[in-house]
């Protein structure tokens, strides 16, 4: 892997009045990308719309699943409460039967 070194060409360019910017990261030199221009393509807009529609569909599905799970959770909590009440009733009946057996 090459190491960052100041080359003579860089020093010569500075001497001629041009400023050379060097960015050193992990032993690699990166040149600034100021010379590139961004020209949006027609396909980009279409792709963005398609991506947004796909994201919208996924969010819609997620919200439907969330709503269904919320309803199911409420139903299960209600069922759990009924089972706890039934359990307490059975527990008191068993205690009453055991009390009668102890009396015999």
Protein backbone atom coordinates (compact mmCIF):
# COMPACT_ATOMS: atom_id res chain seq x y z
CA UNK A 1 0.00 0.00 0.00
CA UNK A 2 1.57 3.33 -0.99
CA UNK A 3 2.35 5.87 1.67
CA UNK A 4 1.66 9.58 1.41
CA UNK A 5 4.69 11.46 0.19
CA UNK A 6 5.09 14.95 -1.10
CA UNK A 7 6.29 14.58 -4.63
CA UNK A 8 8.53 16.99 -6.47
CA UNK A 9 5.74 17.56 -8.97
CA UNK A 10 3.52 18.84 -6.18
CA UNK A 11 6.23 21.19 -5.00
CA UNK A 12 6.80 22.36 -8.56
CA UNK A 13 3.07 23.06 -8.99
CA UNK A 14 3.04 25.11 -5.79
CA UNK A 15 6.02 27.01 -7.02
CA UNK A 16 4.17 27.88 -10.23
CA UNK A 17 1.32 29.43 -8.22
CA UNK A 18 -1.10 26.51 -8.18
CA UNK A 19 -2.27 25.28 -4.83
CA UNK A 20 -2.40 21.52 -4.53
CA UNK A 21 -4.56 20.10 -1.77
CA UNK A 22 -3.69 16.68 -0.47
CA UNK A 23 -5.88 14.67 1.86
CA UNK A 24 -4.17 11.81 3.59
CA UNK A 25 -6.24 9.04 5.11
CA UNK A 26 -5.04 5.55 5.91
CA UNK A 27 -1.93 6.07 3.85
CA UNK A 28 -3.83 6.94 0.67
CA UNK A 29 -3.89 10.30 -1.08
CA UNK A 30 -7.24 11.57 -2.25
CA UNK A 31 -7.57 14.44 -4.68
CA UNK A 32 -10.46 16.90 -4.33
CA UNK A 33 -13.30 16.32 -6.77
CA UNK A 34 -14.09 19.95 -7.50
CA UNK A 35 -13.64 19.45 -11.23
CA UNK A 36 -16.62 17.14 -11.62
CA UNK A 37 -20.07 18.43 -12.36
CA UNK A 38 -23.34 16.74 -11.55
CA UNK A 39 -25.82 16.49 -14.39
CA UNK A 40 -29.11 14.90 -13.29
CA UNK A 41 -30.36 12.22 -15.63
CA UNK A 42 -33.98 11.71 -16.59
CA UNK A 43 -33.84 8.14 -15.33
CA UNK A 44 -32.85 9.37 -11.85
CA UNK A 45 -36.19 11.12 -11.34
CA UNK A 46 -38.05 7.99 -12.45
CA UNK A 47 -35.94 5.80 -10.15
CA UNK A 48 -36.56 8.15 -7.22
CA UNK A 49 -40.32 7.95 -7.80
CA UNK A 50 -40.17 4.17 -8.00
CA UNK A 51 -38.14 4.00 -4.79
CA UNK A 52 -40.56 6.31 -3.01
CA UNK A 53 -43.54 4.23 -4.18
CA UNK A 54 -41.85 1.04 -2.98
CA UNK A 55 -41.10 2.68 0.37
CA UNK A 56 -44.68 3.93 0.63
CA UNK A 57 -45.99 0.41 -0.03
CA UNK A 58 -43.69 -1.08 2.61
CA UNK A 59 -44.73 1.53 5.18
CA UNK A 60 -48.40 0.88 4.37
CA UNK A 61 -47.93 -2.87 4.86
CA UNK A 62 -46.05 -2.22 8.09
CA UNK A 63 -48.86 -0.02 9.42
CA UNK A 64 -51.46 -2.68 8.55
CA UNK A 65 -49.44 -5.34 10.36
CA UNK A 66 -48.98 -3.02 13.35
CA UNK A 67 -52.72 -2.40 13.54
CA UNK A 68 -53.49 -6.12 13.30
CA UNK A 69 -50.94 -6.95 16.01
CA UNK A 70 -52.31 -4.19 18.24
CA UNK A 71 -55.84 -5.62 17.90
CA UNK A 72 -54.57 -9.14 18.56
CA UNK A 73 -52.67 -7.93 21.62
CA UNK A 74 -55.80 -6.32 23.03
CA UNK A 75 -57.78 -9.52 22.41
CA UNK A 76 -55.08 -11.66 24.06
CA UNK A 77 -54.94 -9.34 27.08
CA UNK A 78 -58.69 -9.65 27.49
CA UNK A 79 -58.51 -13.44 27.14
CA UNK A 80 -55.67 -13.55 29.66
CA UNK A 81 -57.71 -11.53 32.13
CA UNK A 82 -60.67 -13.94 31.73
CA UNK A 83 -58.39 -16.94 32.30
CA UNK A 84 -56.92 -15.34 35.43
CA UNK A 85 -60.42 -14.72 36.78
CA UNK A 86 -61.42 -18.33 35.99
CA UNK A 87 -58.26 -19.58 37.68
CA UNK A 88 -59.00 -17.65 40.85
CA UNK A 89 -62.53 -19.12 40.87
CA UNK A 90 -61.21 -22.66 40.48
CA UNK A 91 -58.58 -22.05 43.13
CA UNK A 92 -61.22 -20.97 45.66
CA UNK A 93 -63.37 -24.02 44.80
CA UNK A 94 -60.39 -26.39 45.29
CA UNK A 95 -59.58 -24.70 48.62
CA UNK A 96 -63.21 -25.17 49.71
CA UNK A 97 -63.13 -28.88 48.76
CA UNK A 98 -59.82 -29.35 50.62
CA UNK A 99 -61.32 -27.65 53.67
CA UNK A 100 -64.26 -30.09 53.62
CA UNK A 101 -61.90 -33.05 53.32
CA UNK A 102 -59.88 -31.82 56.30
CA UNK A 103 -63.11 -31.63 58.33
CA UNK A 104 -63.88 -35.31 57.68
